[in-house]
PDB file of N, CA and C in Angstrom:
ATOM      1  N   ILE A   1      89.595  36.833 369.803  1.00  0.00           N
ATOM      2  CA  ILE A   1      90.212  38.024 369.476  1.00  0.00           C
ATOM      3  C   ILE A   1      89.604  39.172 370.025  1.00  0.00           C
ATOM      4  N   LEU A   2      88.273  39.181 369.736  1.00  0.00           N
ATOM      5  CA  LEU A   2      87.497  40.335 370.533  1.00  0.00           C
ATOM      6  C   LEU A   2      87.405  40.339 372.348  1.00  0.00           C
ATOM      7  N   SER A   3      87.070  39.300 372.154  1.00  0.00           N
ATOM      8  CA  SER A   3      87.472  39.600 373.801  1.00  0.00           C
ATOM      9  C   SER A   3      88.320  39.254 374.409  1.00  0.00           C
ATOM     10  N   LEU A   4      89.435  39.494 374.105  1.00  0.00           N
ATOM     11  CA  LEU A   4      90.486  40.019 374.386  1.00  0.00           C
ATOM     12  C   LEU A   4      90.512  40.999 374.554  1.00  0.00           C
ATOM     13  N   THR A   5      90.404  42.035 373.513  1.00  0.00           N
ATOM     14  CA  THR A   5      90.166  43.627 373.476  1.00  0.00           C
ATOM     15  C   THR A   5      88.997  43.974 374.533  1.00  0.00           C
ATOM     16  N   ASP A   6      88.393  43.328 374.642  1.00  0.00           N
ATOM     17  CA  ASP A   6      87.380  43.479 375.667  1.00  0.00           C
ATOM     18  C   ASP A   6      87.662  43.368 377.005  1.00  0.00           C
ATOM     19  N   SER A   7      88.695  42.657 377.127  1.00  0.00           N
ATOM     20  CA  SER A   7      89.058  42.343 378.902  1.00  0.00           C
ATOM     21  C   SER A   7      89.905  43.706 378.983  1.00  0.00           C
ATOM     22  N   ILE A   8      90.215  44.257 378.306  1.00  0.00           N
ATOM     23  CA  ILE A   8      90.843  45.379 378.589  1.00  0.00           C
ATOM     24  C   ILE A   8      89.981  46.345 379.558  1.00  0.00           C
ATOM     25  N   GLU A   9      88.859  46.475 379.267  1.00  0.00           N
ATOM     26  CA  GLU A   9      88.093  47.509 380.164  1.00  0.00           C
ATOM     27  C   GLU A   9      87.575  46.592 381.329  1.00  0.00           C
ATOM     28  N   TYR A  10      87.583  45.397 381.235  1.00  0.00           N
ATOM     29  CA  TYR A  10      87.350  44.690 382.355  1.00  0.00           C
ATOM     30  C   TYR A  10      88.483  44.475 383.584  1.00  0.00           C
ATOM     31  N   GLY A  11      89.603  44.724 382.897  1.00  0.00           N
ATOM     32  CA  GLY A  11      90.842  44.469 383.994  1.00  0.00           C
ATOM     33  C   GLY A  11      90.921  45.843 384.778  1.00  0.00           C
ATOM     34  N   GLN A  12      90.353  47.067 383.540  1.00  0.00           N
ATOM     35  CA  GLN A  12      90.489  48.362 384.347  1.00  0.00           C
ATOM     36  C   GLN A  12      89.292  48.966 385.448  1.00  0.00           C
ATOM     37  N   LEU A  13      88.203  47.893 385.158  1.00  0.00           N
ATOM     38  CA  LEU A  13      86.989  47.912 386.189  1.00  0.00           C
ATOM     39  C   LEU A  13      87.355  47.244 387.669  1.00  0.00           C
ATOM     40  N   LYS A  14      88.395  45.982 387.463  1.00  0.00           N
ATOM     41  CA  LYS A  14      88.570  45.235 388.461  1.00  0.00           C
ATOM     42  C   LYS A  14      90.131  45.674 389.476  1.00  0.00           C
ATOM     43  N   ASN A  15      90.579  46.406 388.478  1.00  0.00           N
ATOM     44  CA  ASN A  15      92.225  46.667 389.258  1.00  0.00           C
ATOM     45  C   ASN A  15      92.295  48.312 389.182  1.00  0.00           C
ATOM     46  N   GLY A  16      91.375  49.077 388.437  1.00  0.00           N
ATOM     47  CA  GLY A  16      91.551  50.710 388.546  1.00  0.00           C
ATOM     48  C   GLY A  16      92.452  50.988 387.721  1.00  0.00           C
ATOM     49  N   LYS A  17      93.548  49.901 386.881  1.00  0.00           N
ATOM     50  CA  LYS A  17      94.378  50.607 385.949  1.00  0.00           C
ATOM     51  C   LYS A  17      94.220  49.770 384.403  1.00  0.00           C
ATOM     52  N   ARG A  18      94.601  50.672 383.755  1.00  0.00           N
ATOM     53  CA  ARG A  18      94.163  50.250 382.502  1.00  0.00           C
ATOM     54  C   ARG A  18      95.994  50.051 381.855  1.00  0.00           C
ATOM     55  N   ASN A  19      96.194  48.416 381.277  1.00  0.00           N
ATOM     56  CA  ASN A  19      97.209  47.737 380.758  1.00  0.00           C
ATOM     57  C   ASN A  19      96.551  47.569 379.403  1.00  0.00           C
ATOM     58  N   GLU A  20      96.363  48.423 378.412  1.00  0.00           N
ATOM     59  CA  GLU A  20      95.954  48.441 376.767  1.00  0.00           C
ATOM     60  C   GLU A  20      97.412  47.636 376.653  1.00  0.00           C
ATOM     61  N   ALA A  21      98.259  48.327 376.493  1.00  0.00           N
ATOM     62  CA  ALA A  21      99.879  48.010 375.658  1.00  0.00           C
ATOM     63  C   ALA A  21     100.016  46.386 376.260  1.00  0.00           C
ATOM     64  N   VAL A  22      99.605  46.610 377.402  1.00  0.00           N
ATOM     65  CA  VAL A  22     100.000  44.901 378.038  1.00  0.00           C
ATOM     66  C   VAL A  22      99.415  43.764 377.426  1.00  0.00           C
ATOM     67  N   THR A  23      97.998  44.078 377.385  1.00  0.00           N
ATOM     68  CA  THR A  23      97.000  43.146 377.126  1.00  0.00           C
ATOM     69  C   THR A  23      97.060  42.770 375.392  1.00  0.00           C
ATOM     70  N   LEU A  24      97.144  44.098 374.643  1.00  0.00           N
ATOM     71  CA  LEU A  24      97.367  44.074 373.139  1.00  0.00           C
ATOM     72  C   LEU A  24      98.685  43.207 372.698  1.00  0.00           C
ATOM     73  N   SER A  25      99.965  43.825 373.538  1.00  0.00           N
ATOM     74  CA  SER A  25     101.023  42.747 372.828  1.00  0.00           C
ATOM     75  C   SER A  25     101.022  41.087 372.952  1.00  0.00           C
ATOM     76  N   VAL A  26     100.350  40.804 373.935  1.00  0.00           N
ATOM     77  CA  VAL A  26     100.333  39.720 373.924  1.00  0.00           C
ATOM     78  C   VAL A  26      99.562  38.616 372.726  1.00  0.00           C
ATOM     79  N   ARG A  27      98.874  39.337 372.217  1.00  0.00           N
ATOM     80  CA  ARG A  27      98.122  38.347 371.025  1.00  0.00           C
ATOM     81  C   ARG A  27      99.228  37.879 369.884  1.00  0.00           C
ATOM     82  N   PRO A  28     100.059  39.023 369.556  1.00  0.00           N
ATOM     83  CA  PRO A  28     100.912  38.824 368.337  1.00  0.00           C
ATOM     84  C   PRO A  28     101.925  37.825 368.873  1.00  0.00           C
ATOM     85  N   MET A  29     102.424  37.770 370.452  1.00  0.00           N
ATOM     86  CA  MET A  29     103.123  36.538 370.988  1.00  0.00           C
ATOM     87  C   MET A  29     102.817  35.249 370.863  1.00  0.00           C
ATOM     88  N   LEU A  30     101.353  35.253 371.261  1.00  0.00           N
ATOM     89  CA  LEU A  30     100.772  34.239 371.265  1.00  0.00           C
ATOM     90  C   LEU A  30     100.468  33.345 369.402  1.00  0.00           C
ATOM     91  N   ASP A  31     100.597  34.242 368.524  1.00  0.00           N
ATOM     92  CA  ASP A  31     100.128  34.067 367.372  1.00  0.00           C
ATOM     93  C   ASP A  31     101.852  33.482 366.711  1.00  0.00           C
ATOM     94  N   LYS A  32     102.677  33.954 367.255  1.00  0.00           N
ATOM     95  CA  LYS A  32     103.721  33.580 366.858  1.00  0.00           C
ATOM     96  C   LYS A  32     104.355  32.339 367.475  1.00  0.00           C
ATOM     97  N   ILE A  33     103.590  32.138 368.706  1.00  0.00           N
ATOM     98  CA  ILE A  33     104.074  30.698 369.712  1.00  0.00           C
ATOM     99  C   ILE A  33     103.091  29.696 368.804  1.00  0.00           C
ATOM    100  N   ALA A  34     102.107  30.301 368.169  1.00  0.00           N
ATOM    101  CA  ALA A  34     101.185  28.939 367.764  1.00  0.00           C
ATOM    102  C   ALA A  34     101.536  28.998 366.364  1.00  0.00           C
ATOM    103  N   GLY A  35     102.180  29.468 365.430  1.00  0.00           N
ATOM    104  CA  GLY A  35     102.733  29.113 364.483  1.00  0.00           C
ATOM    105  C   GLY A  35     104.027  28.121 364.359  1.00  0.00           C
ATOM    106  N   ALA A  36     105.068  28.409 365.375  1.00  0.00           N
ATOM    107  CA  ALA A  36     105.645  27.747 365.501  1.00  0.00           C
ATOM    108  C   ALA A  36     105.459  26.334 366.212  1.00  0.00           C
ATOM    109  N   CYS A  37     104.657  25.878 367.155  1.00  0.00           N
ATOM    110  CA  CYS A  37     103.838  24.743 367.255  1.00  0.00           C
ATOM    111  C   CYS A  37     103.527  24.175 366.468  1.00  0.00           C
ATOM    112  N   SER A  38     102.351  25.145 365.292  1.00  0.00           N
ATOM    113  CA  SER A  38     102.011  24.020 364.396  1.00  0.00           C
ATOM    114  C   SER A  38     102.643  23.762 363.515  1.00  0.00           C
ATOM    115  N   ASN A  39     103.925  24.664 363.266  1.00  0.00           N
ATOM    116  CA  ASN A  39     105.412  23.881 362.129  1.00  0.00           C
ATOM    117  C   ASN A  39     105.684  22.666 362.973  1.00  0.00           C
ATOM    118  N   GLY A  40     106.263  22.557 364.162  1.00  0.00           N
ATOM    119  CA  GLY A  40     106.380  21.579 364.721  1.00  0.00           C
ATOM    120  C   GLY A  40     105.498  20.550 364.717  1.00  0.00           C
ATOM    121  N   ILE A  41     104.258  20.356 364.834  1.00  0.00           N
ATOM    122  CA  ILE A  41     103.277  19.552 364.880  1.00  0.00           C
ATOM    123  C   ILE A  41     103.332  18.925 363.402  1.00  0.00           C
ATOM    124  N   VAL A  42     103.376  19.854 362.564  1.00  0.00           N
ATOM    125  CA  VAL A  42     103.076  19.146 361.351  1.00  0.00           C
ATOM    126  C   VAL A  42     104.127  18.504 360.533  1.00  0.00           C
ATOM    127  N   GLY A  43     105.650  19.137 361.221  1.00  0.00           N
ATOM    128  CA  GLY A  43     106.928  18.111 360.930  1.00  0.00           C
ATOM    129  C   GLY A  43     106.576  16.371 361.568  1.00  0.00           C
ATOM    130  N   ALA A  44     106.142  16.857 362.677  1.00  0.00           N
ATOM    131  CA  ALA A  44     105.967  15.425 364.041  1.00  0.00           C
ATOM    132  C   ALA A  44     105.228  14.528 363.113  1.00  0.00           C
ATOM    133  N   VAL A  45     103.747  15.036 362.710  1.00  0.00           N
ATOM    134  CA  VAL A  45     103.440  13.801 362.122  1.00  0.00           C
ATOM    135  C   VAL A  45     103.347  13.259 360.752  1.00  0.00           C
ATOM    136  N   ALA A  46     104.068  14.115 359.966  1.00  0.00           N
ATOM    137  CA  ALA A  46     104.635  14.098 358.566  1.00  0.00           C
ATOM    138  C   ALA A  46     106.129  12.857 359.214  1.00  0.00           C
ATOM    139  N   ILE A  47     106.384  13.030 360.203  1.00  0.00           N
ATOM    140  CA  ILE A  47     107.670  11.535 360.473  1.00  0.00           C
ATOM    141  C   ILE A  47     107.134  10.701 360.748  1.00  0.00           C
ATOM    142  N   ALA A  48     105.881  10.966 361.813  1.00  0.00           N
ATOM    143  CA  ALA A  48     104.630   9.920 362.264  1.00  0.00           C
ATOM    144  C   ALA A  48     104.296   8.815 361.255  1.00  0.00           C
ATOM    145  N   ALA A  49     104.188   9.323 359.958  1.00  0.00           N
ATOM    146  CA  ALA A  49     103.098   8.713 359.176  1.00  0.00           C
ATOM    147  C   ALA A  49     104.231   8.640 357.839  1.00  0.00           C
ATOM    148  N   GLY A  50     105.387   8.620 358.411  1.00  0.00           N
ATOM    149  CA  GLY A  50     106.412   8.217 357.265  1.00  0.00           C
ATOM    150  C   GLY A  50     106.764   8.699 356.012  1.00  0.00           C
ATOM    151  N   MET A  51     106.438  10.183 356.077  1.00  0.00           N
ATOM    152  CA  MET A  51     106.813  10.951 355.083  1.00  0.00           C
ATOM    153  C   MET A  51     108.082  11.777 355.083  1.00  0.00           C
ATOM    154  N   ILE A  52     109.010  10.756 355.145  1.00  0.00           N
ATOM    155  CA  ILE A  52     110.697  11.350 355.278  1.00  0.00           C
ATOM    156  C   ILE A  52     111.631  10.681 354.230  1.00  0.00           C
ATOM    157  N   GLY A  53     112.781  11.393 354.482  1.00  0.00           N
ATOM    158  CA  GLY A  53     113.540  11.410 352.855  1.00  0.00           C
ATOM    159  C   GLY A  53     113.009  11.603 351.791  1.00  0.00           C
ATOM    160  N   SER A  54     113.151  10.493 350.584  1.00  0.00           N
ATOM    161  CA  SER A  54     112.389  10.899 349.353  1.00  0.00           C
ATOM    162  C   SER A  54     111.341   9.511 349.137  1.00  0.00           C
ATOM    163  N   ALA A  55     110.536   9.557 350.610  1.00  0.00           N
ATOM    164  CA  ALA A  55     109.316   8.610 350.026  1.00  0.00           C
ATOM    165  C   ALA A  55     108.041   9.341 349.558  1.00  0.00           C
ATOM    166  N   THR A  56     107.426   8.390 348.546  1.00  0.00           N
ATOM    167  CA  THR A  56     106.376   8.847 347.578  1.00  0.00           C
ATOM    168  C   THR A  56     104.834   8.618 347.909  1.00  0.00           C
ATOM    169  N   ALA A  57     103.901   9.266 347.498  1.00  0.00           N
ATOM    170  CA  ALA A  57     102.584   8.890 347.832  1.00  0.00           C
ATOM    171  C   ALA A  57     102.368   7.169 347.411  1.00  0.00           C
ATOM    172  N   ALA A  58     103.627   6.456 346.780  1.00  0.00           N
ATOM    173  CA  ALA A  58     103.167   5.036 346.634  1.00  0.00           C
ATOM    174  C   ALA A  58     103.982   4.302 347.730  1.00  0.00           C
ATOM    175  N   ASP A  59     104.685   4.872 348.864  1.00  0.00           N
ATOM    176  CA  ASP A  59     105.695   4.462 349.634  1.00  0.00           C
ATOM    177  C   ASP A  59     104.659   4.177 351.102  1.00  0.00           C
ATOM    178  N   MET A  60     102.988   4.974 350.815  1.00  0.00           N
ATOM    179  CA  MET A  60     102.390   5.374 352.282  1.00  0.00           C
ATOM    180  C   MET A  60     101.912   4.027 352.322  1.00  0.00           C
ATOM    181  N   THR A  61     101.924   3.111 353.337  1.00  0.00           N
ATOM    182  CA  THR A  61     101.181   2.383 353.691  1.00  0.00           C
ATOM    183  C   THR A  61      99.693   2.426 354.466  1.00  0.00           C
ATOM    184  N   ALA A  62      98.823   1.748 354.182  1.00  0.00           N
ATOM    185  CA  ALA A  62      97.553   1.890 355.330  1.00  0.00           C
ATOM    186  C   ALA A  62      97.697   2.623 356.261  1.00  0.00           C
ATOM    187  N   ALA A  63      98.319   2.044 357.343  1.00  0.00           N
ATOM    188  CA  ALA A  63      98.803   2.403 358.809  1.00  0.00           C
ATOM    189  C   ALA A  63      99.251   3.613 358.342  1.00  0.00           C
ATOM    190  N   ASN A  64     100.002   4.241 357.508  1.00  0.00           N
ATOM    191  CA  ASN A  64     100.788   5.574 357.709  1.00  0.00           C
ATOM    192  C   ASN A  64      99.669   6.174 357.585  1.00  0.00           C
ATOM    193  N   ILE A  65      98.948   6.105 356.492  1.00  0.00           N
ATOM    194  CA  ILE A  65      97.699   7.041 356.087  1.00  0.00           C
ATOM    195  C   ILE A  65      96.545   7.369 357.395  1.00  0.00           C
ATOM    196  N   HIS A  66      96.445   6.347 358.057  1.00  0.00           N
ATOM    197  CA  HIS A  66      95.585   6.407 359.091  1.00  0.00           C
ATOM    198  C   HIS A  66      95.915   7.140 359.925  1.00  0.00           C
ATOM    199  N   THR A  67      97.309   6.979 360.361  1.00  0.00           N
ATOM    200  CA  THR A  67      98.203   7.606 361.382  1.00  0.00           C
ATOM    201  C   THR A  67      98.290   9.331 361.086  1.00  0.00           C
ATOM    202  N   PHE A  68      98.404   9.512 359.459  1.00  0.00           N
ATOM    203  CA  PHE A  68      98.326  11.134 358.947  1.00  0.00           C
ATOM    204  C   PHE A  68      96.881  11.605 359.559  1.00  0.00           C
ATOM    205  N   LYS A  69      95.727  10.727 359.136  1.00  0.00           N
ATOM    206  CA  LYS A  69      94.195  11.364 359.073  1.00  0.00           C
ATOM    207  C   LYS A  69      94.208  11.649 360.462  1.00  0.00           C
ATOM    208  N   VAL A  70      94.511  10.524 361.497  1.00  0.00           N
ATOM    209  CA  VAL A  70      94.462  10.646 363.336  1.00  0.00           C
ATOM    210  C   VAL A  70      94.728  11.981 363.631  1.00  0.00           C
ATOM    211  N   TRP A  71      96.065  11.899 363.383  1.00  0.00           N
ATOM    212  CA  TRP A  71      96.963  13.283 363.962  1.00  0.00           C
ATOM    213  C   TRP A  71      97.047  14.644 363.138  1.00  0.00           C
ATOM    214  N   ALA A  72      96.407  14.375 361.763  1.00  0.00           N
ATOM    215  CA  ALA A  72      96.619  15.448 361.249  1.00  0.00           C
ATOM    216  C   ALA A  72      94.908  16.084 361.053  1.00  0.00           C
ATOM    217  N   PHE A  73      93.926  15.195 361.429  1.00  0.00           N
ATOM    218  CA  PHE A  73      92.497  15.852 361.229  1.00  0.00           C
ATOM    219  C   PHE A  73      91.840  15.393 362.597  1.00  0.00           C
ATOM    220  N   TYR A  74      91.613  14.290 363.182  1.00  0.00           N
ATOM    221  CA  TYR A  74      90.976  14.135 364.062  1.00  0.00           C
ATOM    222  C   TYR A  74      91.122  14.563 365.068  1.00  0.00           C
ATOM    223  N   VAL A  75      92.280  14.599 365.534  1.00  0.00           N
ATOM    224  CA  VAL A  75      93.086  15.320 366.895  1.00  0.00           C
ATOM    225  C   VAL A  75      92.644  16.374 367.308  1.00  0.00           C
ATOM    226  N   PRO A  76      93.428  17.255 365.963  1.00  0.00           N
ATOM    227  CA  PRO A  76      92.936  18.721 366.012  1.00  0.00           C
ATOM    228  C   PRO A  76      91.346  19.071 366.177  1.00  0.00           C
ATOM    229  N   LEU A  77      91.022  18.424 365.330  1.00  0.00           N
ATOM    230  CA  LEU A  77      89.363  18.575 365.364  1.00  0.00           C
ATOM    231  C   LEU A  77      88.549  18.230 366.895  1.00  0.00           C
ATOM    232  N   ALA A  78      89.229  17.287 367.649  1.00  0.00           N
ATOM    233  CA  ALA A  78      88.826  17.501 368.877  1.00  0.00           C
ATOM    234  C   ALA A  78      89.039  18.623 369.699  1.00  0.00           C
ATOM    235  N   VAL A  79      90.517  18.552 369.542  1.00  0.00           N
ATOM    236  CA  VAL A  79      91.279  20.127 370.220  1.00  0.00           C
ATOM    237  C   VAL A  79      90.549  21.268 369.918  1.00  0.00           C
ATOM    238  N   ILE A  80      89.883  21.936 368.568  1.00  0.00           N
ATOM    239  CA  ILE A  80      89.105  22.678 368.275  1.00  0.00           C
ATOM    240  C   ILE A  80      87.831  22.711 369.071  1.00  0.00           C
ATOM    241  N   ILE A  81      87.404  21.484 369.363  1.00  0.00           N
ATOM    242  CA  ILE A  81      86.066  21.398 369.845  1.00  0.00           C
ATOM    243  C   ILE A  81      85.485  21.940 371.331  1.00  0.00           C
ATOM    244  N   LEU A  82      87.079  21.173 372.089  1.00  0.00           N
ATOM    245  CA  LEU A  82      87.136  21.202 373.339  1.00  0.00           C
ATOM    246  C   LEU A  82      87.485  22.472 373.335  1.00  0.00           C
ATOM    247  N   SER A  83      88.296  23.236 373.022  1.00  0.00           N
ATOM    248  CA  SER A  83      88.752  24.769 373.217  1.00  0.00           C
ATOM    249  C   SER A  83      87.369  25.373 373.071  1.00  0.00           C
ATOM    250  N   GLY A  84      86.627  25.738 372.281  1.00  0.00           N
ATOM    251  CA  GLY A  84      85.217  26.296 372.111  1.00  0.00           C
ATOM    252  C   GLY A  84      84.436  26.027 372.767  1.00  0.00           C
ATOM    253  N   VAL A  85      84.174  24.890 373.535  1.00  0.00           N
ATOM    254  CA  VAL A  85      83.210  24.501 375.055  1.00  0.00           C
ATOM    255  C   VAL A  85      83.957  25.430 376.050  1.00  0.00           C
ATOM    256  N   VAL A  86      85.417  25.199 376.295  1.00  0.00           N
ATOM    257  CA  VAL A  86      85.906  25.664 377.335  1.00  0.00           C
ATOM    258  C   VAL A  86      85.672  27.309 377.317  1.00  0.00           C
ATOM    259  N   PHE A  87      85.991  27.852 375.976  1.00  0.00           N
ATOM    260  CA  PHE A  87      85.806  29.398 375.562  1.00  0.00           C
ATOM    261  C   PHE A  87      84.311  29.764 376.414  1.00  0.00           C
ATOM    262  N   LEU A  88      83.295  28.865 375.813  1.00  0.00           N
ATOM    263  CA  LEU A  88      81.758  29.374 375.965  1.00  0.00           C
ATOM    264  C   LEU A  88      81.362  28.487 377.429  1.00  0.00           C
ATOM    265  N   LEU A  89      82.457  28.119 378.276  1.00  0.00           N
ATOM    266  CA  LEU A  89      81.500  28.198 379.421  1.00  0.00           C
ATOM    267  C   LEU A  89      82.628  29.004 380.414  1.00  0.00           C
ATOM    268  N   LYS A  90      83.853  29.374 380.165  1.00  0.00           N
ATOM    269  CA  LYS A  90      84.618  30.117 381.058  1.00  0.00           C
ATOM    270  C   LYS A  90      84.468  31.553 380.649  1.00  0.00           C
ATOM    271  N   VAL A  91      84.658  32.126 379.338  1.00  0.00           N
ATOM    272  CA  VAL A  91      84.525  33.578 379.041  1.00  0.00           C
ATOM    273  C   VAL A  91      83.249  33.991 379.191  1.00  0.00           C
ATOM    274  N   LYS A  92      82.876  35.113 379.968  1.00  0.00           N
ATOM    275  CA  LYS A  92      81.674  35.560 380.230  1.00  0.00           C
ATOM    276  C   LYS A  92      81.411  36.962 379.856  1.00  0.00           C
ATOM    277  N   ILE A  93      82.608  37.378 379.544  1.00  0.00           N
ATOM    278  CA  ILE A  93      82.268  38.839 378.890  1.00  0.00           C
ATOM    279  C   ILE A  93      81.524  38.665 377.336  1.00  0.00           C
ATOM    280  N   SER A  94      80.284  39.353 377.520  1.00  0.00           N
ATOM    281  CA  SER A  94      78.964  39.162 376.254  1.00  0.00           C
ATOM    282  C   SER A  94      79.415  40.649 375.785  1.00  0.00           C
ATOM    283  N   GLU A  95      78.544  41.034 374.736  1.00  0.00           N
ATOM    284  CA  GLU A  95      78.557  42.598 374.435  1.00  0.00           C
ATOM    285  C   GLU A  95      77.962  43.186 375.495  1.00  0.00           C
ATOM    286  N   LYS A  96      76.706  42.800 376.035  1.00  0.00           N
ATOM    287  CA  LYS A  96      75.730  43.685 377.239  1.00  0.00           C
ATOM    288  C   LYS A  96      76.852  43.663 378.172  1.00  0.00           C
ATOM    289  N   MET A  97      77.613  42.695 378.482  1.00  0.00           N
ATOM    290  CA  MET A  97      78.671  42.688 379.848  1.00  0.00           C
ATOM    291  C   MET A  97      79.648  43.762 379.568  1.00  0.00           C
ATOM    292  N   HIS A  98      79.789  43.374 378.312  1.00  0.00           N
ATOM    293  CA  HIS A  98      81.013  45.012 377.895  1.00  0.00           C
ATOM    294  C   HIS A  98      80.644  46.200 377.998  1.00  0.00           C
ATOM    295  N   ALA A  99      79.553  46.333 377.191  1.00  0.00           N
ATOM    296  CA  ALA A  99      78.720  47.600 377.818  1.00  0.00           C
ATOM    297  C   ALA A  99      78.278  48.326 378.820  1.00  0.00           C
ATOM    298  N   ASP A 100      78.069  47.175 379.625  1.00  0.00           N
ATOM    299  CA  ASP A 100      77.963  47.317 381.265  1.00  0.00           C
ATOM    300  C   ASP A 100      79.022  48.015 381.888  1.00  0.00           C
ATOM    301  N   ILE A 101      80.062  47.252 381.683  1.00  0.00           N
ATOM    302  CA  ILE A 101      81.639  47.502 382.036  1.00  0.00           C
ATOM    303  C   ILE A 101      82.205  48.976 381.448  1.00  0.00           C
ATOM    304  N   VAL A 102      81.901  49.356 380.414  1.00  0.00           N
ATOM    305  CA  VAL A 102      82.339  50.755 379.861  1.00  0.00           C
ATOM    306  C   VAL A 102      81.503  52.066 380.429  1.00  0.00           C
ATOM    307  N   GLU A 103      80.040  51.548 380.969  1.00  0.00           N
ATOM    308  CA  GLU A 103      79.430  52.440 381.228  1.00  0.00           C
ATOM    309  C   GLU A 103      79.690  52.950 382.917  1.00  0.00           C
ATOM    310  N   GLN A 104      79.919  51.807 383.523  1.00  0.00           N
ATOM    311  CA  GLN A 104      80.343  51.773 384.741  1.00  0.00           C
ATOM    312  C   GLN A 104      81.963  52.708 384.919  1.00  0.00           C
ATOM    313  N   LEU A 105      82.838  52.255 384.004  1.00  0.00           N
ATOM    314  CA  LEU A 105      83.739  52.828 383.871  1.00  0.00           C
ATOM    315  C   LEU A 105      83.561  54.308 383.314  1.00  0.00           C
ATOM    316  N   GLU A 106      82.825  55.011 382.593  1.00  0.00           N
ATOM    317  CA  GLU A 106      82.364  56.010 382.402  1.00  0.00           C
ATOM    318  C   GLU A 106      81.922  57.119 383.604  1.00  0.00           C
ATOM    319  N   THR A 107      80.954  56.243 384.266  1.00  0.00           N
ATOM    320  CA  THR A 107      80.394  56.649 385.786  1.00  0.00           C
ATOM    321  C   THR A 107      81.303  57.212 386.476  1.00  0.00           C
ATOM    322  N   GLN A 108      82.476  56.160 386.985  1.00  0.00           N
ATOM    323  CA  GLN A 108      83.450  56.071 387.888  1.00  0.00           C
ATOM    324  C   GLN A 108      84.106  57.553 387.306  1.00  0.00           C
ATOM    325  N   LEU A 109      84.647  57.659 385.793  1.00  0.00           N
ATOM    326  CA  LEU A 109      85.626  58.543 385.737  1.00  0.00           C
ATOM    327  C   LEU A 109      84.973  60.343 385.534  1.00  0.00           C
ATOM    328  N   ASN A 110      83.592  60.303 385.412  1.00  0.00           N
ATOM    329  CA  ASN A 110      83.183  61.128 385.376  1.00  0.00           C
ATOM    330  C   ASN A 110      82.723  61.692 387.037  1.00  0.00           C
ATOM    331  N   GLU A 111      82.412  60.898 387.964  1.00  0.00           N
ATOM    332  CA  GLU A 111      82.496  61.154 389.293  1.00  0.00           C
ATOM    333  C   GLU A 111      83.854  61.578 389.909  1.00  0.00           C
ATOM    334  N   GLY A 112      84.843  60.929 389.765  1.00  0.00           N
ATOM    335  CA  GLY A 112      86.253  61.599 390.118  1.00  0.00           C
ATOM    336  C   GLY A 112      87.227  61.118 389.582  1.00  0.00           C
TER     337      GLY A 112
END
């Protein structure tokens, strides 16, 4: 979340325009989309695992429990790890880089 905010100054440095409102309006939209997707995924996992209608815990077979564990725990864990790796490899804005960007912007604004 903080790197999204830090990207405002980066964009200003690269483009010469500060699009703070546009950048900060993206996050709530992404939160709403993620919430809707997660609800849909939970429903799909429950249906795939046989948790439909008036099913009880006694109705769950070993295969249903395995399906639930895989799709509700292991697949999201793998996706989280993959997204963390992608973030670490692709996002280059660190605290030091952000401070350098702000310093460059301040210099540009002071010069003219």
